[in-house]
């Protein structure tokens, strides 16, 4: 929405293809949030013809919305205590049937491997400048800012990629423990 006006539908699609990798927001959250942001003066909506008698609302960020976004981006965030059911479950795998534990750990490897593939592809699309969301952002930015914009987008995906690789390696160590080929030496 900072790059160009979008309908809620287009925003949901774009959200899923860009920052949806770091923040999941279902349609049921996006639509009410847009209405709240409009009421708060952070976005402005314009009714657009959508074929026949139908209309759609196209949203654009307001000056106040840009100011609020900049205030948020410049404020340090606190951290919440983590609630990770997969790691919690791993702490008690000695109670599990070996096949059930193996299945859980393999699902973990599979899930994070799929995430890793997606994030590597997104990162490459950013580097190649073929990512549509990035291209829209670059169109509205000064040319001297392009490298910095790309660098921070890649930086975000690098964190996700490293996290996925770590989760895959962790689950594989658990599989090795189940198979008896891994050992616990108390060292980190």
N, C-alpha and C. Protein backbone atom coordinates (compact mmCIF):
# COMPACT_ATOMS: atom_id res chain seq x y z
N UNK A 1 0.82 -1.18 0.00
CA UNK A 1 0.00 0.00 0.00
C UNK A 1 0.87 1.26 0.00
N UNK A 2 2.13 1.14 0.46
CA UNK A 2 3.01 2.30 0.38
C UNK A 2 3.47 2.51 -1.05
N UNK A 3 3.46 1.44 -1.86
CA UNK A 3 3.92 1.57 -3.25
C UNK A 3 2.81 2.03 -4.18
N UNK A 4 1.59 1.54 -3.94
CA UNK A 4 0.47 1.91 -4.81
C UNK A 4 -0.83 1.56 -4.08
N UNK A 5 -1.93 2.20 -4.48
CA UNK A 5 -3.23 1.85 -3.87
C UNK A 5 -3.60 0.41 -4.20
N UNK A 6 -4.25 -0.26 -3.26
CA UNK A 6 -4.65 -1.65 -3.44
C UNK A 6 -6.04 -1.88 -2.87
N UNK A 7 -6.75 -2.84 -3.47
CA UNK A 7 -8.00 -3.28 -2.86
C UNK A 7 -7.64 -4.22 -1.72
N UNK A 8 -8.59 -4.50 -0.86
CA UNK A 8 -8.34 -5.43 0.25
C UNK A 8 -7.96 -6.81 -0.29
N UNK A 9 -8.63 -7.23 -1.36
CA UNK A 9 -8.33 -8.52 -1.98
C UNK A 9 -6.88 -8.55 -2.49
N UNK A 10 -6.49 -7.51 -3.23
CA UNK A 10 -5.12 -7.43 -3.75
C UNK A 10 -4.11 -7.35 -2.62
N UNK A 11 -4.48 -6.63 -1.56
CA UNK A 11 -3.59 -6.50 -0.41
C UNK A 11 -3.38 -7.86 0.25
N UNK A 12 -4.45 -8.63 0.40
CA UNK A 12 -4.33 -9.96 1.01
C UNK A 12 -3.43 -10.85 0.17
N UNK A 13 -3.59 -10.81 -1.16
CA UNK A 13 -2.73 -11.59 -2.05
C UNK A 13 -1.29 -11.14 -1.93
N UNK A 14 -1.05 -9.84 -1.97
CA UNK A 14 0.30 -9.31 -1.89
C UNK A 14 0.92 -9.60 -0.53
N UNK A 15 0.12 -9.47 0.51
CA UNK A 15 0.58 -9.73 1.86
C UNK A 15 1.08 -11.17 1.96
N UNK A 16 0.29 -12.09 1.43
CA UNK A 16 0.68 -13.49 1.48
C UNK A 16 1.94 -13.79 0.71
N UNK A 17 2.19 -13.04 -0.36
CA UNK A 17 3.36 -13.29 -1.20
C UNK A 17 4.60 -12.53 -0.74
N UNK A 18 4.44 -11.62 0.20
CA UNK A 18 5.62 -10.85 0.64
C UNK A 18 5.81 -11.03 2.14
N UNK A 19 5.27 -10.15 2.96
CA UNK A 19 5.49 -10.23 4.40
C UNK A 19 4.71 -11.34 5.06
N UNK A 20 3.85 -12.01 4.32
CA UNK A 20 3.13 -13.15 4.86
C UNK A 20 4.08 -14.25 5.33
N UNK A 21 5.32 -14.21 4.87
CA UNK A 21 6.32 -15.19 5.29
C UNK A 21 6.82 -14.89 6.71
N UNK A 22 6.62 -13.68 7.17
CA UNK A 22 7.06 -13.34 8.53
C UNK A 22 5.89 -12.98 9.45
N UNK A 23 4.71 -12.76 8.86
CA UNK A 23 3.54 -12.42 9.67
C UNK A 23 2.30 -12.93 8.96
N UNK A 24 1.72 -13.97 9.50
CA UNK A 24 0.52 -14.53 8.89
C UNK A 24 -0.69 -13.70 9.29
N UNK A 25 -1.44 -13.28 8.31
CA UNK A 25 -2.68 -12.52 8.56
C UNK A 25 -3.76 -13.06 7.62
N UNK A 26 -4.74 -13.76 8.17
CA UNK A 26 -5.83 -14.25 7.32
C UNK A 26 -6.72 -13.11 6.86
N UNK A 27 -7.49 -13.36 5.80
CA UNK A 27 -8.42 -12.35 5.29
C UNK A 27 -9.32 -11.83 6.39
N UNK A 28 -9.72 -12.71 7.29
CA UNK A 28 -10.62 -12.31 8.37
C UNK A 28 -9.98 -11.27 9.29
N UNK A 29 -8.67 -11.12 9.23
CA UNK A 29 -7.98 -10.10 10.01
C UNK A 29 -7.73 -8.85 9.16
N UNK A 30 -7.42 -9.04 7.89
CA UNK A 30 -7.06 -7.91 7.02
C UNK A 30 -8.23 -6.96 6.81
N UNK A 31 -9.39 -7.49 6.48
CA UNK A 31 -10.54 -6.63 6.18
C UNK A 31 -10.96 -5.77 7.38
N UNK A 32 -11.13 -6.33 8.58
CA UNK A 32 -11.49 -5.47 9.72
C UNK A 32 -10.38 -4.47 10.07
N UNK A 33 -9.14 -4.89 9.91
CA UNK A 33 -8.02 -4.00 10.23
C UNK A 33 -8.00 -2.81 9.27
N UNK A 34 -8.30 -3.03 8.02
CA UNK A 34 -8.37 -1.92 7.06
C UNK A 34 -9.48 -0.94 7.44
N UNK A 35 -10.63 -1.47 7.87
CA UNK A 35 -11.72 -0.58 8.30
C UNK A 35 -11.30 0.23 9.53
N UNK A 36 -10.60 -0.41 10.47
CA UNK A 36 -10.12 0.29 11.66
C UNK A 36 -9.11 1.37 11.27
N UNK A 37 -8.20 1.02 10.38
CA UNK A 37 -7.18 1.97 9.94
C UNK A 37 -7.83 3.15 9.20
N UNK A 38 -8.88 2.87 8.45
CA UNK A 38 -9.59 3.95 7.75
C UNK A 38 -10.25 4.87 8.78
N UNK A 39 -10.89 4.29 9.77
CA UNK A 39 -11.55 5.09 10.82
C UNK A 39 -10.53 5.94 11.59
N UNK A 40 -9.30 5.41 11.72
CA UNK A 40 -8.23 6.14 12.44
C UNK A 40 -7.49 7.13 11.54
N UNK A 41 -7.86 7.19 10.25
CA UNK A 41 -7.23 8.13 9.34
C UNK A 41 -5.86 7.69 8.83
N UNK A 42 -5.56 6.40 8.96
CA UNK A 42 -4.25 5.90 8.53
C UNK A 42 -4.26 5.50 7.05
N UNK A 43 -5.43 5.12 6.55
CA UNK A 43 -5.61 4.82 5.14
C UNK A 43 -6.86 5.54 4.67
N UNK A 44 -6.93 5.74 3.38
CA UNK A 44 -8.10 6.37 2.77
C UNK A 44 -8.60 5.42 1.69
N UNK A 45 -9.91 5.21 1.66
CA UNK A 45 -10.50 4.30 0.68
C UNK A 45 -11.27 5.08 -0.36
N UNK A 46 -11.22 4.58 -1.58
CA UNK A 46 -11.99 5.17 -2.67
C UNK A 46 -12.78 4.06 -3.34
N UNK A 47 -14.06 4.32 -3.57
CA UNK A 47 -14.92 3.34 -4.25
C UNK A 47 -14.56 3.34 -5.73
N UNK A 48 -14.38 2.14 -6.27
CA UNK A 48 -14.02 1.97 -7.67
C UNK A 48 -15.03 1.03 -8.32
N UNK A 49 -15.36 1.29 -9.58
CA UNK A 49 -16.25 0.39 -10.32
C UNK A 49 -15.56 -0.96 -10.50
N UNK A 50 -16.37 -2.01 -10.39
CA UNK A 50 -15.80 -3.35 -10.48
C UNK A 50 -16.60 -4.23 -11.42
N UNK A 51 -17.23 -3.63 -12.38
CA UNK A 51 -18.03 -4.39 -13.33
C UNK A 51 -19.48 -4.45 -12.90
N UNK A 52 -20.36 -4.04 -13.77
CA UNK A 52 -21.78 -4.05 -13.44
C UNK A 52 -22.07 -3.04 -12.34
N UNK A 53 -22.89 -3.45 -11.39
CA UNK A 53 -23.24 -2.55 -10.28
C UNK A 53 -22.27 -2.67 -9.12
N UNK A 54 -21.37 -3.59 -9.22
CA UNK A 54 -20.44 -3.85 -8.12
C UNK A 54 -19.38 -2.76 -8.03
N UNK A 55 -18.95 -2.55 -6.82
CA UNK A 55 -17.82 -1.64 -6.58
C UNK A 55 -16.82 -2.34 -5.68
N UNK A 56 -15.63 -1.82 -5.67
CA UNK A 56 -14.61 -2.31 -4.74
C UNK A 56 -13.95 -1.09 -4.13
N UNK A 57 -13.33 -1.28 -3.00
CA UNK A 57 -12.67 -0.19 -2.30
C UNK A 57 -11.16 -0.32 -2.50
N UNK A 58 -10.57 0.75 -2.95
CA UNK A 58 -9.11 0.78 -3.15
C UNK A 58 -8.53 1.66 -2.05
N UNK A 59 -7.55 1.12 -1.33
CA UNK A 59 -6.96 1.81 -0.19
C UNK A 59 -5.61 2.38 -0.53
N UNK A 60 -5.35 3.56 0.02
CA UNK A 60 -4.02 4.16 -0.09
C UNK A 60 -3.66 4.68 1.29
N UNK A 61 -2.40 4.63 1.59
CA UNK A 61 -1.93 5.10 2.89
C UNK A 61 -1.99 6.63 2.92
N UNK A 62 -2.36 7.18 4.05
CA UNK A 62 -2.42 8.63 4.21
C UNK A 62 -1.09 9.13 4.77
N UNK A 63 -0.95 10.43 4.80
CA UNK A 63 0.26 11.01 5.39
C UNK A 63 0.36 10.60 6.86
N UNK A 64 -0.78 10.63 7.56
CA UNK A 64 -0.79 10.19 8.98
C UNK A 64 -0.41 8.72 9.09
N UNK A 65 -0.88 7.90 8.14
CA UNK A 65 -0.52 6.48 8.14
C UNK A 65 0.97 6.28 7.96
N UNK A 66 1.56 7.07 7.06
CA UNK A 66 3.01 7.00 6.85
C UNK A 66 3.75 7.42 8.11
N UNK A 67 3.29 8.47 8.75
CA UNK A 67 3.92 8.93 10.00
C UNK A 67 3.83 7.87 11.10
N UNK A 68 2.66 7.25 11.23
CA UNK A 68 2.48 6.20 12.23
C UNK A 68 3.37 4.99 11.92
N UNK A 69 3.46 4.63 10.65
CA UNK A 69 4.32 3.51 10.26
C UNK A 69 5.78 3.81 10.60
N UNK A 70 6.21 5.03 10.28
CA UNK A 70 7.60 5.40 10.60
C UNK A 70 7.84 5.41 12.11
N UNK A 71 6.86 5.85 12.88
CA UNK A 71 7.00 5.84 14.34
C UNK A 71 7.14 4.40 14.84
N UNK A 72 6.32 3.49 14.28
CA UNK A 72 6.39 2.09 14.68
C UNK A 72 7.73 1.47 14.30
N UNK A 73 8.19 1.73 13.07
CA UNK A 73 9.42 1.11 12.58
C UNK A 73 10.64 1.64 13.34
N UNK A 74 10.54 2.85 13.89
CA UNK A 74 11.65 3.45 14.63
C UNK A 74 11.60 3.18 16.13
N UNK A 75 10.58 2.48 16.60
CA UNK A 75 10.47 2.15 18.01
C UNK A 75 10.96 0.72 18.25
N UNK A 76 11.87 0.54 19.21
CA UNK A 76 12.31 -0.83 19.49
C UNK A 76 11.16 -1.67 20.03
N UNK A 77 11.14 -2.91 19.66
CA UNK A 77 10.10 -3.84 20.11
C UNK A 77 10.61 -4.65 21.29
N UNK A 78 9.72 -4.96 22.20
CA UNK A 78 10.06 -5.88 23.27
C UNK A 78 9.92 -7.31 22.76
N UNK A 79 10.30 -8.24 23.57
CA UNK A 79 10.20 -9.64 23.19
C UNK A 79 9.24 -10.33 24.15
N UNK A 80 8.45 -11.23 23.58
CA UNK A 80 7.53 -12.02 24.39
C UNK A 80 8.16 -13.38 24.65
N UNK A 81 7.80 -13.95 25.76
CA UNK A 81 8.26 -15.30 26.03
C UNK A 81 7.69 -16.22 24.96
N UNK A 82 8.50 -17.13 24.54
CA UNK A 82 8.12 -18.01 23.44
C UNK A 82 7.22 -19.14 23.91
N UNK A 83 6.29 -19.50 23.06
CA UNK A 83 5.42 -20.66 23.28
C UNK A 83 5.56 -21.52 22.04
N UNK A 84 6.38 -22.54 22.12
CA UNK A 84 6.68 -23.39 20.97
C UNK A 84 6.31 -24.82 21.31
N UNK A 85 5.16 -25.25 20.82
CA UNK A 85 4.64 -26.57 21.14
C UNK A 85 5.56 -27.69 20.62
N UNK A 86 6.25 -27.47 19.52
CA UNK A 86 7.11 -28.52 18.96
C UNK A 86 8.33 -28.77 19.85
N UNK A 87 8.92 -27.70 20.34
CA UNK A 87 10.08 -27.87 21.22
C UNK A 87 9.63 -28.35 22.60
N UNK A 88 8.46 -27.93 23.03
CA UNK A 88 7.91 -28.44 24.30
C UNK A 88 7.71 -29.95 24.20
N UNK A 89 7.13 -30.38 23.12
CA UNK A 89 6.89 -31.81 22.92
C UNK A 89 8.22 -32.58 22.87
N UNK A 90 9.23 -31.99 22.26
CA UNK A 90 10.54 -32.64 22.16
C UNK A 90 11.15 -32.90 23.53
N UNK A 91 10.85 -32.03 24.48
CA UNK A 91 11.39 -32.19 25.83
C UNK A 91 10.85 -33.45 26.50
N UNK A 92 9.76 -34.01 25.97
CA UNK A 92 9.12 -35.18 26.57
C UNK A 92 9.06 -36.37 25.62
N UNK A 93 9.89 -36.39 24.60
CA UNK A 93 9.85 -37.48 23.63
C UNK A 93 10.21 -38.84 24.23
N UNK A 94 10.83 -38.85 25.40
CA UNK A 94 11.12 -40.14 26.01
C UNK A 94 9.83 -40.90 26.36
N UNK A 95 8.71 -40.20 26.42
CA UNK A 95 7.42 -40.80 26.71
C UNK A 95 6.74 -41.31 25.43
N UNK A 96 7.22 -40.89 24.30
CA UNK A 96 6.55 -41.21 23.03
C UNK A 96 6.96 -42.58 22.51
N UNK A 97 6.04 -43.16 21.75
CA UNK A 97 6.39 -44.36 20.99
C UNK A 97 7.43 -43.91 19.97
N UNK A 98 8.46 -44.70 19.71
CA UNK A 98 9.51 -44.28 18.77
C UNK A 98 8.98 -43.87 17.40
N UNK A 99 8.00 -44.60 16.86
CA UNK A 99 7.48 -44.25 15.54
C UNK A 99 6.71 -42.93 15.57
N UNK A 100 6.00 -42.67 16.66
CA UNK A 100 5.27 -41.40 16.79
C UNK A 100 6.25 -40.24 16.88
N UNK A 101 7.33 -40.43 17.65
CA UNK A 101 8.36 -39.39 17.77
C UNK A 101 9.04 -39.17 16.43
N UNK A 102 9.34 -40.27 15.73
CA UNK A 102 9.99 -40.18 14.41
C UNK A 102 9.09 -39.42 13.43
N UNK A 103 7.80 -39.73 13.45
CA UNK A 103 6.86 -39.05 12.56
C UNK A 103 6.81 -37.56 12.86
N UNK A 104 6.75 -37.20 14.14
CA UNK A 104 6.71 -35.79 14.53
C UNK A 104 7.96 -35.05 14.06
N UNK A 105 9.12 -35.65 14.28
CA UNK A 105 10.37 -35.00 13.87
C UNK A 105 10.50 -34.92 12.35
N UNK A 106 10.03 -35.95 11.65
CA UNK A 106 10.09 -35.91 10.18
C UNK A 106 9.14 -34.84 9.64
N UNK A 107 7.97 -34.69 10.24
CA UNK A 107 7.05 -33.61 9.85
C UNK A 107 7.72 -32.25 10.05
N UNK A 108 8.49 -32.13 11.12
CA UNK A 108 9.21 -30.88 11.40
C UNK A 108 10.23 -30.60 10.29
N UNK A 109 10.98 -31.63 9.93
CA UNK A 109 11.96 -31.50 8.84
C UNK A 109 11.25 -31.12 7.54
N UNK A 110 10.16 -31.82 7.23
CA UNK A 110 9.43 -31.57 5.98
C UNK A 110 8.87 -30.15 5.93
N UNK A 111 8.25 -29.72 7.03
CA UNK A 111 7.66 -28.37 7.08
C UNK A 111 8.73 -27.31 6.87
N UNK A 112 9.82 -27.40 7.62
CA UNK A 112 10.85 -26.38 7.52
C UNK A 112 11.62 -26.47 6.21
N UNK A 113 11.68 -27.65 5.61
CA UNK A 113 12.30 -27.78 4.28
C UNK A 113 11.46 -27.06 3.23
N UNK A 114 10.14 -27.19 3.33
CA UNK A 114 9.26 -26.46 2.41
C UNK A 114 9.39 -24.96 2.61
N UNK A 115 9.42 -24.54 3.86
CA UNK A 115 9.60 -23.12 4.15
C UNK A 115 10.92 -22.62 3.58
N UNK A 116 11.96 -23.40 3.78
CA UNK A 116 13.29 -23.04 3.29
C UNK A 116 13.26 -22.86 1.77
N UNK A 117 12.63 -23.76 1.05
CA UNK A 117 12.53 -23.63 -0.41
C UNK A 117 11.82 -22.34 -0.80
N UNK A 118 10.70 -22.05 -0.14
CA UNK A 118 9.95 -20.82 -0.44
C UNK A 118 10.81 -19.59 -0.17
N UNK A 119 11.47 -19.57 0.97
CA UNK A 119 12.25 -18.39 1.35
C UNK A 119 13.46 -18.20 0.45
N UNK A 120 14.09 -19.30 0.05
CA UNK A 120 15.21 -19.18 -0.89
C UNK A 120 14.73 -18.61 -2.23
N UNK A 121 13.55 -19.06 -2.68
CA UNK A 121 12.99 -18.55 -3.93
C UNK A 121 12.63 -17.06 -3.80
N UNK A 122 12.03 -16.68 -2.68
CA UNK A 122 11.70 -15.27 -2.46
C UNK A 122 12.97 -14.42 -2.44
N UNK A 123 13.98 -14.91 -1.73
CA UNK A 123 15.27 -14.18 -1.65
C UNK A 123 15.85 -13.99 -3.05
N UNK A 124 15.81 -15.07 -3.86
CA UNK A 124 16.36 -14.98 -5.22
C UNK A 124 15.56 -13.99 -6.06
N UNK A 125 14.24 -14.00 -5.92
CA UNK A 125 13.40 -13.05 -6.65
C UNK A 125 13.71 -11.61 -6.28
N UNK A 126 14.07 -11.39 -5.04
CA UNK A 126 14.46 -10.05 -4.60
C UNK A 126 15.81 -9.68 -5.22
N UNK A 127 16.76 -10.61 -5.15
CA UNK A 127 18.08 -10.34 -5.72
C UNK A 127 18.01 -10.12 -7.23
N UNK A 128 17.17 -10.93 -7.90
CA UNK A 128 17.01 -10.81 -9.36
C UNK A 128 16.13 -9.62 -9.75
N UNK A 129 15.46 -9.07 -8.74
CA UNK A 129 14.50 -7.98 -8.95
C UNK A 129 13.36 -8.40 -9.87
N UNK A 130 12.89 -9.62 -9.63
CA UNK A 130 11.72 -10.13 -10.35
C UNK A 130 10.51 -10.24 -9.43
N UNK A 131 10.69 -9.99 -8.15
CA UNK A 131 9.61 -10.06 -7.17
C UNK A 131 8.66 -8.88 -7.41
N UNK A 132 7.37 -9.15 -7.72
CA UNK A 132 6.44 -8.06 -8.07
C UNK A 132 6.25 -7.02 -6.95
N UNK A 133 6.24 -7.47 -5.72
CA UNK A 133 6.07 -6.54 -4.61
C UNK A 133 7.28 -5.61 -4.51
N UNK A 134 8.47 -6.18 -4.66
CA UNK A 134 9.68 -5.37 -4.64
C UNK A 134 9.68 -4.38 -5.80
N UNK A 135 9.31 -4.84 -6.99
CA UNK A 135 9.30 -3.95 -8.16
C UNK A 135 8.36 -2.76 -7.94
N UNK A 136 7.19 -3.02 -7.35
CA UNK A 136 6.26 -1.92 -7.05
C UNK A 136 6.88 -0.95 -6.05
N UNK A 137 7.57 -1.48 -5.05
CA UNK A 137 8.21 -0.63 -4.04
C UNK A 137 9.33 0.21 -4.68
N UNK A 138 10.12 -0.40 -5.54
CA UNK A 138 11.24 0.31 -6.16
C UNK A 138 10.75 1.43 -7.09
N UNK A 139 9.58 1.24 -7.71
CA UNK A 139 9.03 2.27 -8.60
C UNK A 139 8.76 3.58 -7.85
N UNK A 140 8.45 3.47 -6.57
CA UNK A 140 8.11 4.68 -5.80
C UNK A 140 9.30 5.22 -5.02
N UNK A 141 10.43 4.53 -5.07
CA UNK A 141 11.61 4.93 -4.29
C UNK A 141 12.63 5.64 -5.17
N UNK A 142 13.42 6.46 -4.55
CA UNK A 142 14.50 7.12 -5.27
C UNK A 142 15.54 6.08 -5.71
N UNK A 143 16.09 6.21 -6.91
CA UNK A 143 17.06 5.23 -7.40
C UNK A 143 18.24 5.00 -6.44
N UNK A 144 18.68 6.05 -5.76
CA UNK A 144 19.82 5.88 -4.84
C UNK A 144 19.45 5.04 -3.61
N UNK A 145 18.14 4.79 -3.39
CA UNK A 145 17.70 3.98 -2.25
C UNK A 145 17.46 2.51 -2.61
N UNK A 146 17.53 2.18 -3.89
CA UNK A 146 17.19 0.83 -4.33
C UNK A 146 18.05 -0.25 -3.68
N UNK A 147 19.35 -0.06 -3.66
CA UNK A 147 20.24 -1.09 -3.09
C UNK A 147 19.94 -1.31 -1.61
N UNK A 148 19.68 -0.24 -0.89
CA UNK A 148 19.38 -0.35 0.55
C UNK A 148 18.05 -1.10 0.76
N UNK A 149 17.06 -0.81 -0.06
CA UNK A 149 15.77 -1.48 0.03
C UNK A 149 15.95 -2.98 -0.21
N UNK A 150 16.66 -3.33 -1.28
CA UNK A 150 16.91 -4.73 -1.61
C UNK A 150 17.69 -5.40 -0.48
N UNK A 151 18.71 -4.73 0.04
CA UNK A 151 19.55 -5.32 1.09
C UNK A 151 18.73 -5.68 2.33
N UNK A 152 17.80 -4.81 2.74
CA UNK A 152 17.02 -5.11 3.93
C UNK A 152 15.98 -6.20 3.68
N UNK A 153 15.45 -6.28 2.47
CA UNK A 153 14.53 -7.36 2.15
C UNK A 153 15.28 -8.70 2.20
N UNK A 154 16.48 -8.74 1.61
CA UNK A 154 17.30 -9.95 1.64
C UNK A 154 17.67 -10.29 3.08
N UNK A 155 18.02 -9.29 3.86
CA UNK A 155 18.38 -9.48 5.27
C UNK A 155 17.25 -10.18 6.03
N UNK A 156 16.00 -9.76 5.80
CA UNK A 156 14.86 -10.39 6.47
C UNK A 156 14.75 -11.86 6.08
N UNK A 157 14.89 -12.17 4.79
CA UNK A 157 14.80 -13.56 4.36
C UNK A 157 15.99 -14.37 4.83
N UNK A 158 17.17 -13.76 4.94
CA UNK A 158 18.33 -14.48 5.47
C UNK A 158 18.05 -15.00 6.88
N UNK A 159 17.37 -14.20 7.69
CA UNK A 159 17.02 -14.65 9.04
C UNK A 159 16.07 -15.84 9.01
N UNK A 160 15.08 -15.78 8.13
CA UNK A 160 14.14 -16.90 8.00
C UNK A 160 14.84 -18.15 7.49
N UNK A 161 15.73 -17.98 6.54
CA UNK A 161 16.47 -19.11 5.95
C UNK A 161 17.33 -19.77 7.01
N UNK A 162 18.03 -18.98 7.79
CA UNK A 162 18.88 -19.55 8.84
C UNK A 162 18.05 -20.25 9.90
N UNK A 163 16.91 -19.67 10.26
CA UNK A 163 16.03 -20.31 11.25
C UNK A 163 15.55 -21.66 10.72
N UNK A 164 15.14 -21.71 9.45
CA UNK A 164 14.67 -22.98 8.87
C UNK A 164 15.79 -24.02 8.87
N UNK A 165 16.98 -23.62 8.48
CA UNK A 165 18.11 -24.56 8.47
C UNK A 165 18.41 -25.08 9.87
N UNK A 166 18.32 -24.21 10.85
CA UNK A 166 18.55 -24.62 12.24
C UNK A 166 17.49 -25.61 12.70
N UNK A 167 16.21 -25.35 12.37
CA UNK A 167 15.13 -26.25 12.77
C UNK A 167 15.28 -27.61 12.10
N UNK A 168 15.69 -27.62 10.84
CA UNK A 168 15.90 -28.89 10.12
C UNK A 168 17.02 -29.68 10.79
N UNK A 169 18.14 -29.03 11.06
CA UNK A 169 19.28 -29.70 11.70
C UNK A 169 18.89 -30.22 13.09
N UNK A 170 18.13 -29.43 13.83
CA UNK A 170 17.70 -29.83 15.17
C UNK A 170 16.84 -31.10 15.11
N UNK A 171 15.86 -31.12 14.22
CA UNK A 171 14.98 -32.28 14.11
C UNK A 171 15.75 -33.51 13.62
N UNK A 172 16.70 -33.31 12.75
CA UNK A 172 17.51 -34.44 12.28
C UNK A 172 18.36 -35.02 13.42
N UNK A 173 18.85 -34.15 14.31
CA UNK A 173 19.57 -34.64 15.49
C UNK A 173 18.63 -35.49 16.36
N UNK A 174 17.37 -35.07 16.46
CA UNK A 174 16.39 -35.86 17.21
C UNK A 174 16.16 -37.21 16.55
N UNK A 175 16.08 -37.24 15.23
CA UNK A 175 15.93 -38.50 14.52
C UNK A 175 17.14 -39.41 14.76
N UNK A 176 18.33 -38.81 14.78
CA UNK A 176 19.54 -39.60 15.08
C UNK A 176 19.48 -40.18 16.49
N UNK A 177 18.97 -39.40 17.44
CA UNK A 177 18.83 -39.91 18.81
C UNK A 177 17.88 -41.11 18.83
N UNK A 178 16.77 -41.01 18.09
CA UNK A 178 15.82 -42.11 18.04
C UNK A 178 16.42 -43.35 17.40
N UNK A 179 17.26 -43.15 16.38
CA UNK A 179 17.88 -44.27 15.68
C UNK A 179 19.08 -44.84 16.42
N UNK A 180 19.50 -44.18 17.49
CA UNK A 180 20.64 -44.65 18.25
C UNK A 180 21.98 -44.22 17.68
N UNK A 181 21.96 -43.47 16.57
CA UNK A 181 23.23 -43.02 15.97
C UNK A 181 23.67 -41.68 16.51
N UNK A 182 22.78 -41.00 17.21
CA UNK A 182 23.14 -39.72 17.82
C UNK A 182 23.50 -39.96 19.27
N UNK A 183 24.24 -39.04 19.82
CA UNK A 183 24.58 -39.19 21.24
C UNK A 183 24.43 -37.84 21.93
N UNK A 184 24.21 -37.94 23.20
CA UNK A 184 24.09 -36.75 24.03
C UNK A 184 25.36 -36.65 24.84
N UNK A 185 26.07 -35.54 24.67
CA UNK A 185 27.30 -35.35 25.44
C UNK A 185 27.21 -34.17 26.40
N UNK A 186 26.05 -33.55 26.47
CA UNK A 186 25.87 -32.43 27.40
C UNK A 186 26.47 -31.13 26.90
N UNK A 187 27.08 -31.16 25.74
CA UNK A 187 27.71 -29.96 25.19
C UNK A 187 26.75 -29.27 24.23
N UNK A 188 26.90 -27.98 24.14
CA UNK A 188 26.10 -27.20 23.20
C UNK A 188 26.92 -26.92 21.97
